[in-house]
PDB file of N, CA and C in Angstrom:
ATOM      1  N   MET A   1     -40.411 -18.624  28.008  1.00  0.00           N
ATOM      2  CA  MET A   1     -40.783 -18.892  29.333  1.00  0.00           C
ATOM      3  C   MET A   1     -39.813 -17.465  30.162  1.00  0.00           C
ATOM      4  N   ARG A   2     -40.575 -17.638  31.374  1.00  0.00           N
ATOM      5  CA  ARG A   2     -39.931 -16.971  32.171  1.00  0.00           C
ATOM      6  C   ARG A   2     -39.687 -17.390  33.672  1.00  0.00           C
ATOM      7  N   PHE A   3     -38.763 -17.486  34.162  1.00  0.00           N
ATOM      8  CA  PHE A   3     -38.662 -18.367  35.787  1.00  0.00           C
ATOM      9  C   PHE A   3     -38.005 -17.731  36.825  1.00  0.00           C
ATOM     10  N   GLU A   4     -38.797 -17.831  37.961  1.00  0.00           N
ATOM     11  CA  GLU A   4     -38.328 -17.585  39.297  1.00  0.00           C
ATOM     12  C   GLU A   4     -37.707 -18.693  40.112  1.00  0.00           C
ATOM     13  N   TRP A   5     -37.014 -17.989  41.252  1.00  0.00           N
ATOM     14  CA  TRP A   5     -37.359 -19.096  42.450  1.00  0.00           C
ATOM     15  C   TRP A   5     -36.723 -18.223  43.628  1.00  0.00           C
ATOM     16  N   ASP A   6     -36.369 -18.873  44.562  1.00  0.00           N
ATOM     17  CA  ASP A   6     -35.842 -17.931  45.727  1.00  0.00           C
ATOM     18  C   ASP A   6     -34.517 -19.220  45.775  1.00  0.00           C
ATOM     19  N   GLU A   7     -33.869 -18.257  45.576  1.00  0.00           N
ATOM     20  CA  GLU A   7     -32.237 -17.836  45.775  1.00  0.00           C
ATOM     21  C   GLU A   7     -31.669 -18.628  46.987  1.00  0.00           C
ATOM     22  N   ASN A   8     -32.368 -18.397  48.242  1.00  0.00           N
ATOM     23  CA  ASN A   8     -31.791 -19.667  49.219  1.00  0.00           C
ATOM     24  C   ASN A   8     -32.035 -21.037  48.905  1.00  0.00           C
ATOM     25  N   LYS A   9     -33.162 -21.388  48.363  1.00  0.00           N
ATOM     26  CA  LYS A   9     -33.386 -22.905  47.900  1.00  0.00           C
ATOM     27  C   LYS A   9     -32.678 -23.183  47.080  1.00  0.00           C
ATOM     28  N   ALA A  10     -32.431 -22.278  45.962  1.00  0.00           N
ATOM     29  CA  ALA A  10     -31.455 -22.525  44.989  1.00  0.00           C
ATOM     30  C   ALA A  10     -29.749 -22.844  45.380  1.00  0.00           C
ATOM     31  N   GLU A  11     -29.757 -22.261  46.464  1.00  0.00           N
ATOM     32  CA  GLU A  11     -28.552 -22.612  47.261  1.00  0.00           C
ATOM     33  C   GLU A  11     -28.189 -23.928  47.859  1.00  0.00           C
ATOM     34  N   SER A  12     -29.251 -23.982  48.570  1.00  0.00           N
ATOM     35  CA  SER A  12     -29.713 -25.328  49.410  1.00  0.00           C
ATOM     36  C   SER A  12     -29.982 -26.405  48.396  1.00  0.00           C
ATOM     37  N   ASN A  13     -30.558 -26.032  47.302  1.00  0.00           N
ATOM     38  CA  ASN A  13     -30.325 -27.256  46.110  1.00  0.00           C
ATOM     39  C   ASN A  13     -29.180 -28.113  45.673  1.00  0.00           C
ATOM     40  N   PHE A  14     -28.178 -26.481  45.267  1.00  0.00           N
ATOM     41  CA  PHE A  14     -27.231 -27.150  44.867  1.00  0.00           C
ATOM     42  C   PHE A  14     -26.372 -27.831  45.813  1.00  0.00           C
ATOM     43  N   LEU A  15     -26.412 -27.648  46.686  1.00  0.00           N
ATOM     44  CA  LEU A  15     -25.550 -28.593  48.019  1.00  0.00           C
ATOM     45  C   LEU A  15     -25.904 -29.505  48.126  1.00  0.00           C
ATOM     46  N   LYS A  16     -27.088 -30.054  48.256  1.00  0.00           N
ATOM     47  CA  LYS A  16     -28.046 -31.172  48.272  1.00  0.00           C
ATOM     48  C   LYS A  16     -27.819 -32.099  46.729  1.00  0.00           C
ATOM     49  N   HIS A  17     -28.015 -31.594  45.557  1.00  0.00           N
ATOM     50  CA  HIS A  17     -28.047 -32.107  44.772  1.00  0.00           C
ATOM     51  C   HIS A  17     -26.960 -31.922  43.796  1.00  0.00           C
ATOM     52  N   GLY A  18     -26.187 -30.752  43.606  1.00  0.00           N
ATOM     53  CA  GLY A  18     -25.239 -30.576  42.783  1.00  0.00           C
ATOM     54  C   GLY A  18     -25.857 -29.790  41.437  1.00  0.00           C
ATOM     55  N   ILE A  19     -26.734 -29.243  41.342  1.00  0.00           N
ATOM     56  CA  ILE A  19     -27.458 -28.684  40.295  1.00  0.00           C
ATOM     57  C   ILE A  19     -28.042 -27.418  40.255  1.00  0.00           C
ATOM     58  N   THR A  20     -27.768 -26.403  39.778  1.00  0.00           N
ATOM     59  CA  THR A  20     -28.168 -25.208  39.765  1.00  0.00           C
ATOM     60  C   THR A  20     -29.372 -24.531  38.924  1.00  0.00           C
ATOM     61  N   PHE A  21     -30.062 -23.823  39.866  1.00  0.00           N
ATOM     62  CA  PHE A  21     -31.774 -23.775  39.008  1.00  0.00           C
ATOM     63  C   PHE A  21     -31.574 -23.004  37.549  1.00  0.00           C
ATOM     64  N   GLU A  22     -29.943 -22.344  37.510  1.00  0.00           N
ATOM     65  CA  GLU A  22     -29.627 -22.093  35.940  1.00  0.00           C
ATOM     66  C   GLU A  22     -29.546 -23.156  35.094  1.00  0.00           C
ATOM     67  N   GLU A  23     -29.022 -24.235  35.386  1.00  0.00           N
ATOM     68  CA  GLU A  23     -28.744 -25.598  34.780  1.00  0.00           C
ATOM     69  C   GLU A  23     -30.701 -26.174  34.334  1.00  0.00           C
ATOM     70  N   ALA A  24     -31.147 -26.152  35.391  1.00  0.00           N
ATOM     71  CA  ALA A  24     -32.345 -26.897  35.888  1.00  0.00           C
ATOM     72  C   ALA A  24     -33.726 -26.089  34.448  1.00  0.00           C
ATOM     73  N   VAL A  25     -33.322 -25.190  34.068  1.00  0.00           N
ATOM     74  CA  VAL A  25     -34.370 -24.265  33.525  1.00  0.00           C
ATOM     75  C   VAL A  25     -34.252 -25.012  32.115  1.00  0.00           C
ATOM     76  N   THR A  26     -32.863 -25.359  32.132  1.00  0.00           N
ATOM     77  CA  THR A  26     -32.657 -25.550  30.462  1.00  0.00           C
ATOM     78  C   THR A  26     -33.405 -26.969  30.382  1.00  0.00           C
ATOM     79  N   VAL A  27     -34.056 -27.833  30.950  1.00  0.00           N
ATOM     80  CA  VAL A  27     -34.697 -28.850  30.637  1.00  0.00           C
ATOM     81  C   VAL A  27     -35.975 -28.501  29.744  1.00  0.00           C
ATOM     82  N   PHE A  28     -36.347 -27.239  30.028  1.00  0.00           N
ATOM     83  CA  PHE A  28     -37.635 -26.755  29.764  1.00  0.00           C
ATOM     84  C   PHE A  28     -37.844 -26.672  28.469  1.00  0.00           C
ATOM     85  N   ALA A  29     -36.634 -26.685  27.501  1.00  0.00           N
ATOM     86  CA  ALA A  29     -36.418 -26.639  25.702  1.00  0.00           C
ATOM     87  C   ALA A  29     -36.446 -27.996  25.638  1.00  0.00           C
ATOM     88  N   ASP A  30     -36.519 -29.118  26.487  1.00  0.00           N
ATOM     89  CA  ASP A  30     -36.417 -30.433  25.622  1.00  0.00           C
ATOM     90  C   ASP A  30     -37.867 -30.519  25.122  1.00  0.00           C
ATOM     91  N   PRO A  31     -37.790 -31.232  23.775  1.00  0.00           N
ATOM     92  CA  PRO A  31     -39.189 -31.392  23.050  1.00  0.00           C
ATOM     93  C   PRO A  31     -39.982 -32.355  23.206  1.00  0.00           C
ATOM     94  N   TYR A  32     -39.447 -33.272  24.178  1.00  0.00           N
ATOM     95  CA  TYR A  32     -39.526 -34.650  24.642  1.00  0.00           C
ATOM     96  C   TYR A  32     -40.123 -34.705  26.084  1.00  0.00           C
ATOM     97  N   LEU A  33     -39.826 -33.510  26.988  1.00  0.00           N
ATOM     98  CA  LEU A  33     -40.681 -33.195  27.912  1.00  0.00           C
ATOM     99  C   LEU A  33     -41.932 -33.421  28.816  1.00  0.00           C
ATOM    100  N   LEU A  34     -41.552 -34.814  29.516  1.00  0.00           N
ATOM    101  CA  LEU A  34     -42.722 -35.486  30.337  1.00  0.00           C
ATOM    102  C   LEU A  34     -43.138 -34.373  31.825  1.00  0.00           C
ATOM    103  N   PHE A  35     -44.641 -34.223  31.433  1.00  0.00           N
ATOM    104  CA  PHE A  35     -45.062 -33.307  32.951  1.00  0.00           C
ATOM    105  C   PHE A  35     -45.840 -34.704  33.648  1.00  0.00           C
ATOM    106  N   THR A  36     -45.891 -33.910  35.131  1.00  0.00           N
ATOM    107  CA  THR A  36     -46.847 -34.707  35.859  1.00  0.00           C
ATOM    108  C   THR A  36     -47.150 -34.350  37.056  1.00  0.00           C
ATOM    109  N   GLU A  37     -48.373 -34.175  37.577  1.00  0.00           N
ATOM    110  CA  GLU A  37     -49.096 -33.422  38.544  1.00  0.00           C
ATOM    111  C   GLU A  37     -48.135 -34.279  39.875  1.00  0.00           C
ATOM    112  N   ASP A  38     -47.797 -33.182  40.767  1.00  0.00           N
ATOM    113  CA  ASP A  38     -47.327 -33.610  42.142  1.00  0.00           C
ATOM    114  C   ASP A  38     -48.233 -33.090  43.858  1.00  0.00           C
ATOM    115  N   SER A  39     -49.122 -34.155  43.451  1.00  0.00           N
ATOM    116  CA  SER A  39     -50.225 -33.762  44.804  1.00  0.00           C
ATOM    117  C   SER A  39     -49.894 -34.132  45.773  1.00  0.00           C
ATOM    118  N   LYS A  40     -48.707 -34.748  46.299  1.00  0.00           N
ATOM    119  CA  LYS A  40     -48.044 -35.650  47.557  1.00  0.00           C
ATOM    120  C   LYS A  40     -47.307 -34.568  48.619  1.00  0.00           C
ATOM    121  N   HIS A  41     -46.943 -33.519  47.918  1.00  0.00           N
ATOM    122  CA  HIS A  41     -45.816 -32.630  48.698  1.00  0.00           C
ATOM    123  C   HIS A  41     -46.387 -31.047  48.599  1.00  0.00           C
ATOM    124  N   SER A  42     -47.725 -30.709  48.497  1.00  0.00           N
ATOM    125  CA  SER A  42     -48.486 -29.313  48.941  1.00  0.00           C
ATOM    126  C   SER A  42     -49.770 -29.663  48.740  1.00  0.00           C
ATOM    127  N   GLU A  43     -50.145 -29.235  49.380  1.00  0.00           N
ATOM    128  CA  GLU A  43     -51.698 -28.811  49.744  1.00  0.00           C
ATOM    129  C   GLU A  43     -51.991 -27.248  49.682  1.00  0.00           C
ATOM    130  N   GLN A  44     -50.939 -26.633  49.816  1.00  0.00           N
ATOM    131  CA  GLN A  44     -51.109 -24.864  49.785  1.00  0.00           C
ATOM    132  C   GLN A  44     -51.036 -24.337  48.418  1.00  0.00           C
ATOM    133  N   GLU A  45     -50.456 -24.959  47.367  1.00  0.00           N
ATOM    134  CA  GLU A  45     -50.160 -24.579  45.835  1.00  0.00           C
ATOM    135  C   GLU A  45     -49.997 -25.838  45.018  1.00  0.00           C
ATOM    136  N   GLU A  46     -50.505 -25.362  43.517  1.00  0.00           N
ATOM    137  CA  GLU A  46     -50.324 -27.011  42.634  1.00  0.00           C
ATOM    138  C   GLU A  46     -49.091 -26.762  42.503  1.00  0.00           C
ATOM    139  N   ARG A  47     -48.430 -28.303  42.497  1.00  0.00           N
ATOM    140  CA  ARG A  47     -47.118 -28.316  42.004  1.00  0.00           C
ATOM    141  C   ARG A  47     -46.956 -29.481  41.097  1.00  0.00           C
ATOM    142  N   GLU A  48     -46.091 -29.243  40.014  1.00  0.00           N
ATOM    143  CA  GLU A  48     -45.911 -30.258  39.109  1.00  0.00           C
ATOM    144  C   GLU A  48     -44.092 -30.703  39.066  1.00  0.00           C
ATOM    145  N   TRP A  49     -44.093 -31.820  38.105  1.00  0.00           N
ATOM    146  CA  TRP A  49     -42.731 -32.370  37.968  1.00  0.00           C
ATOM    147  C   TRP A  49     -42.961 -32.244  36.199  1.00  0.00           C
ATOM    148  N   ALA A  50     -41.241 -31.705  36.273  1.00  0.00           N
ATOM    149  CA  ALA A  50     -40.711 -32.035  34.508  1.00  0.00           C
ATOM    150  C   ALA A  50     -39.746 -32.965  34.694  1.00  0.00           C
ATOM    151  N   ILE A  51     -40.033 -34.142  33.755  1.00  0.00           N
ATOM    152  CA  ILE A  51     -38.667 -35.020  33.345  1.00  0.00           C
ATOM    153  C   ILE A  51     -38.097 -34.864  32.085  1.00  0.00           C
ATOM    154  N   GLY A  52     -36.932 -34.512  31.997  1.00  0.00           N
ATOM    155  CA  GLY A  52     -36.381 -34.475  30.477  1.00  0.00           C
ATOM    156  C   GLY A  52     -35.151 -34.244  30.479  1.00  0.00           C
ATOM    157  N   GLU A  53     -34.543 -33.855  29.606  1.00  0.00           N
ATOM    158  CA  GLU A  53     -32.572 -33.853  28.895  1.00  0.00           C
ATOM    159  C   GLU A  53     -32.277 -32.609  29.230  1.00  0.00           C
ATOM    160  N   ALA A  54     -31.501 -31.951  30.024  1.00  0.00           N
ATOM    161  CA  ALA A  54     -30.661 -30.585  30.174  1.00  0.00           C
ATOM    162  C   ALA A  54     -30.138 -30.500  28.964  1.00  0.00           C
ATOM    163  N   GLU A  55     -29.635 -29.229  28.873  1.00  0.00           N
ATOM    164  CA  GLU A  55     -28.789 -29.027  27.855  1.00  0.00           C
ATOM    165  C   GLU A  55     -27.348 -29.487  27.882  1.00  0.00           C
ATOM    166  N   ASN A  56     -26.643 -29.838  29.337  1.00  0.00           N
ATOM    167  CA  ASN A  56     -26.005 -30.588  29.430  1.00  0.00           C
ATOM    168  C   ASN A  56     -25.642 -32.105  29.063  1.00  0.00           C
ATOM    169  N   GLY A  57     -26.915 -32.431  28.445  1.00  0.00           N
ATOM    170  CA  GLY A  57     -27.285 -34.106  28.734  1.00  0.00           C
ATOM    171  C   GLY A  57     -27.819 -34.949  29.915  1.00  0.00           C
ATOM    172  N   SER A  58     -28.005 -34.074  30.558  1.00  0.00           N
ATOM    173  CA  SER A  58     -28.239 -34.877  32.222  1.00  0.00           C
ATOM    174  C   SER A  58     -29.859 -34.802  32.237  1.00  0.00           C
ATOM    175  N   MET A  59     -30.333 -36.205  32.324  1.00  0.00           N
ATOM    176  CA  MET A  59     -31.905 -36.092  32.899  1.00  0.00           C
ATOM    177  C   MET A  59     -32.073 -35.745  34.201  1.00  0.00           C
ATOM    178  N   MET A  60     -33.112 -34.814  33.701  1.00  0.00           N
ATOM    179  CA  MET A  60     -33.461 -34.216  35.559  1.00  0.00           C
ATOM    180  C   MET A  60     -35.018 -34.514  35.637  1.00  0.00           C
ATOM    181  N   VAL A  61     -34.948 -34.272  36.943  1.00  0.00           N
ATOM    182  CA  VAL A  61     -36.581 -34.119  37.472  1.00  0.00           C
ATOM    183  C   VAL A  61     -36.921 -32.293  37.873  1.00  0.00           C
ATOM    184  N   ILE A  62     -37.528 -32.048  37.623  1.00  0.00           N
ATOM    185  CA  ILE A  62     -37.579 -30.723  38.008  1.00  0.00           C
ATOM    186  C   ILE A  62     -39.132 -30.489  38.632  1.00  0.00           C
ATOM    187  N   VAL A  63     -39.361 -29.926  40.043  1.00  0.00           N
ATOM    188  CA  VAL A  63     -40.677 -29.640  41.026  1.00  0.00           C
ATOM    189  C   VAL A  63     -40.931 -28.053  40.735  1.00  0.00           C
ATOM    190  N   PHE A  64     -41.933 -28.026  40.089  1.00  0.00           N
ATOM    191  CA  PHE A  64     -42.187 -26.603  39.925  1.00  0.00           C
ATOM    192  C   PHE A  64     -43.417 -25.818  40.232  1.00  0.00           C
ATOM    193  N   THR A  65     -43.925 -24.764  40.502  1.00  0.00           N
ATOM    194  CA  THR A  65     -45.221 -24.723  39.651  1.00  0.00           C
ATOM    195  C   THR A  65     -45.751 -22.974  39.268  1.00  0.00           C
ATOM    196  N   MET A  66     -46.776 -22.439  38.519  1.00  0.00           N
ATOM    197  CA  MET A  66     -46.801 -21.509  37.882  1.00  0.00           C
ATOM    198  C   MET A  66     -47.180 -20.476  38.694  1.00  0.00           C
ATOM    199  N   ARG A  67     -46.720 -19.489  39.039  1.00  0.00           N
ATOM    200  CA  ARG A  67     -46.664 -18.448  39.413  1.00  0.00           C
ATOM    201  C   ARG A  67     -47.091 -17.142  38.611  1.00  0.00           C
ATOM    202  N   GLY A  68     -48.530 -17.263  37.971  1.00  0.00           N
ATOM    203  CA  GLY A  68     -49.123 -16.316  36.972  1.00  0.00           C
ATOM    204  C   GLY A  68     -48.409 -16.494  35.255  1.00  0.00           C
ATOM    205  N   GLU A  69     -47.733 -15.911  34.883  1.00  0.00           N
ATOM    206  CA  GLU A  69     -47.006 -16.509  33.562  1.00  0.00           C
ATOM    207  C   GLU A  69     -45.413 -16.590  33.973  1.00  0.00           C
ATOM    208  N   GLN A  70     -45.136 -16.897  35.075  1.00  0.00           N
ATOM    209  CA  GLN A  70     -43.740 -17.452  35.497  1.00  0.00           C
ATOM    210  C   GLN A  70     -43.796 -18.769  36.067  1.00  0.00           C
ATOM    211  N   ILE A  71     -42.704 -19.655  35.960  1.00  0.00           N
ATOM    212  CA  ILE A  71     -42.675 -20.865  36.417  1.00  0.00           C
ATOM    213  C   ILE A  71     -41.380 -20.646  37.515  1.00  0.00           C
ATOM    214  N   ARG A  72     -42.375 -21.065  38.624  1.00  0.00           N
ATOM    215  CA  ARG A  72     -41.454 -21.269  40.011  1.00  0.00           C
ATOM    216  C   ARG A  72     -40.840 -22.252  40.364  1.00  0.00           C
ATOM    217  N   ILE A  73     -39.425 -22.303  40.132  1.00  0.00           N
ATOM    218  CA  ILE A  73     -38.595 -23.650  40.487  1.00  0.00           C
ATOM    219  C   ILE A  73     -38.815 -24.307  42.143  1.00  0.00           C
ATOM    220  N   ILE A  74     -38.423 -25.022  42.013  1.00  0.00           N
ATOM    221  CA  ILE A  74     -38.899 -25.679  43.384  1.00  0.00           C
ATOM    222  C   ILE A  74     -37.674 -26.579  43.812  1.00  0.00           C
ATOM    223  N   SER A  75     -37.402 -27.425  43.026  1.00  0.00           N
ATOM    224  CA  SER A  75     -36.291 -28.003  43.397  1.00  0.00           C
ATOM    225  C   SER A  75     -35.816 -28.690  41.854  1.00  0.00           C
ATOM    226  N   ALA A  76     -34.591 -29.479  42.418  1.00  0.00           N
ATOM    227  CA  ALA A  76     -34.195 -30.163  40.915  1.00  0.00           C
ATOM    228  C   ALA A  76     -33.000 -30.869  41.085  1.00  0.00           C
ATOM    229  N   ARG A  77     -33.376 -32.312  40.522  1.00  0.00           N
ATOM    230  CA  ARG A  77     -32.067 -33.581  40.720  1.00  0.00           C
ATOM    231  C   ARG A  77     -32.123 -34.311  40.022  1.00  0.00           C
ATOM    232  N   LYS A  78     -31.041 -35.035  39.588  1.00  0.00           N
ATOM    233  CA  LYS A  78     -31.083 -36.245  38.521  1.00  0.00           C
ATOM    234  C   LYS A  78     -32.193 -36.817  38.888  1.00  0.00           C
ATOM    235  N   ALA A  79     -32.496 -37.617  37.300  1.00  0.00           N
ATOM    236  CA  ALA A  79     -33.793 -38.411  37.647  1.00  0.00           C
ATOM    237  C   ALA A  79     -33.234 -39.536  37.916  1.00  0.00           C
ATOM    238  N   THR A  80     -33.879 -40.289  38.687  1.00  0.00           N
ATOM    239  CA  THR A  80     -33.491 -42.088  39.333  1.00  0.00           C
ATOM    240  C   THR A  80     -33.923 -42.720  37.762  1.00  0.00           C
ATOM    241  N   LYS A  81     -33.506 -44.036  37.806  1.00  0.00           N
ATOM    242  CA  LYS A  81     -33.166 -44.909  37.001  1.00  0.00           C
ATOM    243  C   LYS A  81     -34.920 -45.178  36.233  1.00  0.00           C
ATOM    244  N   ARG A  82     -35.862 -45.399  37.263  1.00  0.00           N
ATOM    245  CA  ARG A  82     -37.132 -45.529  37.087  1.00  0.00           C
ATOM    246  C   ARG A  82     -37.844 -43.981  36.241  1.00  0.00           C
ATOM    247  N   GLU A  83     -37.358 -42.951  37.110  1.00  0.00           N
ATOM    248  CA  GLU A  83     -37.973 -41.917  36.051  1.00  0.00           C
ATOM    249  C   GLU A  83     -37.399 -41.738  34.673  1.00  0.00           C
ATOM    250  N   ARG A  84     -35.767 -41.993  34.448  1.00  0.00           N
ATOM    251  CA  ARG A  84     -35.593 -42.039  32.867  1.00  0.00           C
ATOM    252  C   ARG A  84     -36.130 -43.471  32.182  1.00  0.00           C
ATOM    253  N   LYS A  85     -36.282 -44.359  32.519  1.00  0.00           N
ATOM    254  CA  LYS A  85     -37.484 -45.080  31.921  1.00  0.00           C
ATOM    255  C   LYS A  85     -38.484 -44.866  31.693  1.00  0.00           C
ATOM    256  N   ARG A  86     -39.513 -44.481  32.594  1.00  0.00           N
ATOM    257  CA  ARG A  86     -40.771 -43.454  32.375  1.00  0.00           C
ATOM    258  C   ARG A  86     -40.554 -42.531  30.937  1.00  0.00           C
ATOM    259  N   TYR A  87     -39.829 -41.813  31.294  1.00  0.00           N
ATOM    260  CA  TYR A  87     -39.835 -40.440  30.329  1.00  0.00           C
ATOM    261  C   TYR A  87     -39.137 -41.383  28.743  1.00  0.00           C
ATOM    262  N   GLU A  88     -38.663 -42.351  28.805  1.00  0.00           N
ATOM    263  CA  GLU A  88     -37.822 -42.993  27.611  1.00  0.00           C
ATOM    264  C   GLU A  88     -39.159 -43.665  26.863  1.00  0.00           C
ATOM    265  N   GLU A  89     -40.245 -43.937  27.523  1.00  0.00           N
ATOM    266  CA  GLU A  89     -41.462 -44.881  27.125  1.00  0.00           C
ATOM    267  C   GLU A  89     -42.491 -44.214  25.855  1.00  0.00           C
TER     268      GLU A  89
END
């Protein structure tokens, strides 16, 4: 898998959520990764959420879009209790 992101967005995401996009992409190696569409936040592009466990063991939600063959990371944050429960079901 190939990943890309906007460096300014990556920096603002780290300041807001304390998660780097480099950490976030490790979620995509989770064999139990859960995907869902995110139709609420963008009418211009198709966005998806991925909920899974990162390499460091923390549960994260990653918002992304596909750009050709690349996954473009939009945001990354810790999963809420509700999201963790959904992942575990």
